[in-house]
């Protein structure tokens, strides 16, 4: 998506889910002990994949919804890294507001992959955001903004897999599973992913992009 927009393609959005896997930034893949920890995780049924965006390791599973938005800003546009984060976080918060959920934005320090634009319900993380930028052909920048949203399902299994991987070779882990929650637990329903995905599709179609 990012390469296409950088080369001149139109802005694009995508929603998707993944099979169970751990997704890590390249800086983690460069740490001593990564290879044996990744092999052990694979043996437990959780392959480890390296992503282009920064942040910390994240567990992907069927109850997590990924949302990506790729667009281009022209030369001289002062659209900052924070602007791109706020744009996606606000889009998600407005969409979830249609479900009656009052989403908060801000870092949840003891949650997995903490960031300043975490989305939370009742002080517990439901989503994190990341971005990557690339110089666009003809000037300006292409931006890929991405969010991972905990929608439904039991969180213990993916968090256990993530903790086992990190504890094998990374510095002392600071996050705790109880600092995160799912949308389903706040909506009082087990299966809400189709509803949430439909709301986000509408939001992506109707939210203006920066020029």
Foldseek 3Di string as FASTA:
>chain_A
DQVCQLAPDAKDKDKDADAWAKEAEVVQVPAPPQVVLQVVLVVVVHHYHYDHWHFGIDIGHRQKMKMKIKHWDFAPPPCDPVNVLCLVLVLLQVLVVVLVFRKDAAFLPQAGRTDGGFIDGPQAGFKDKTKDWDAHPPGTIMMMIMMIGRAADDPPVRVVSVCSSCVRGHPDRRHDPVSHDHNCVVSVHHDCVVVSVVSSVVSVVPRDDHD
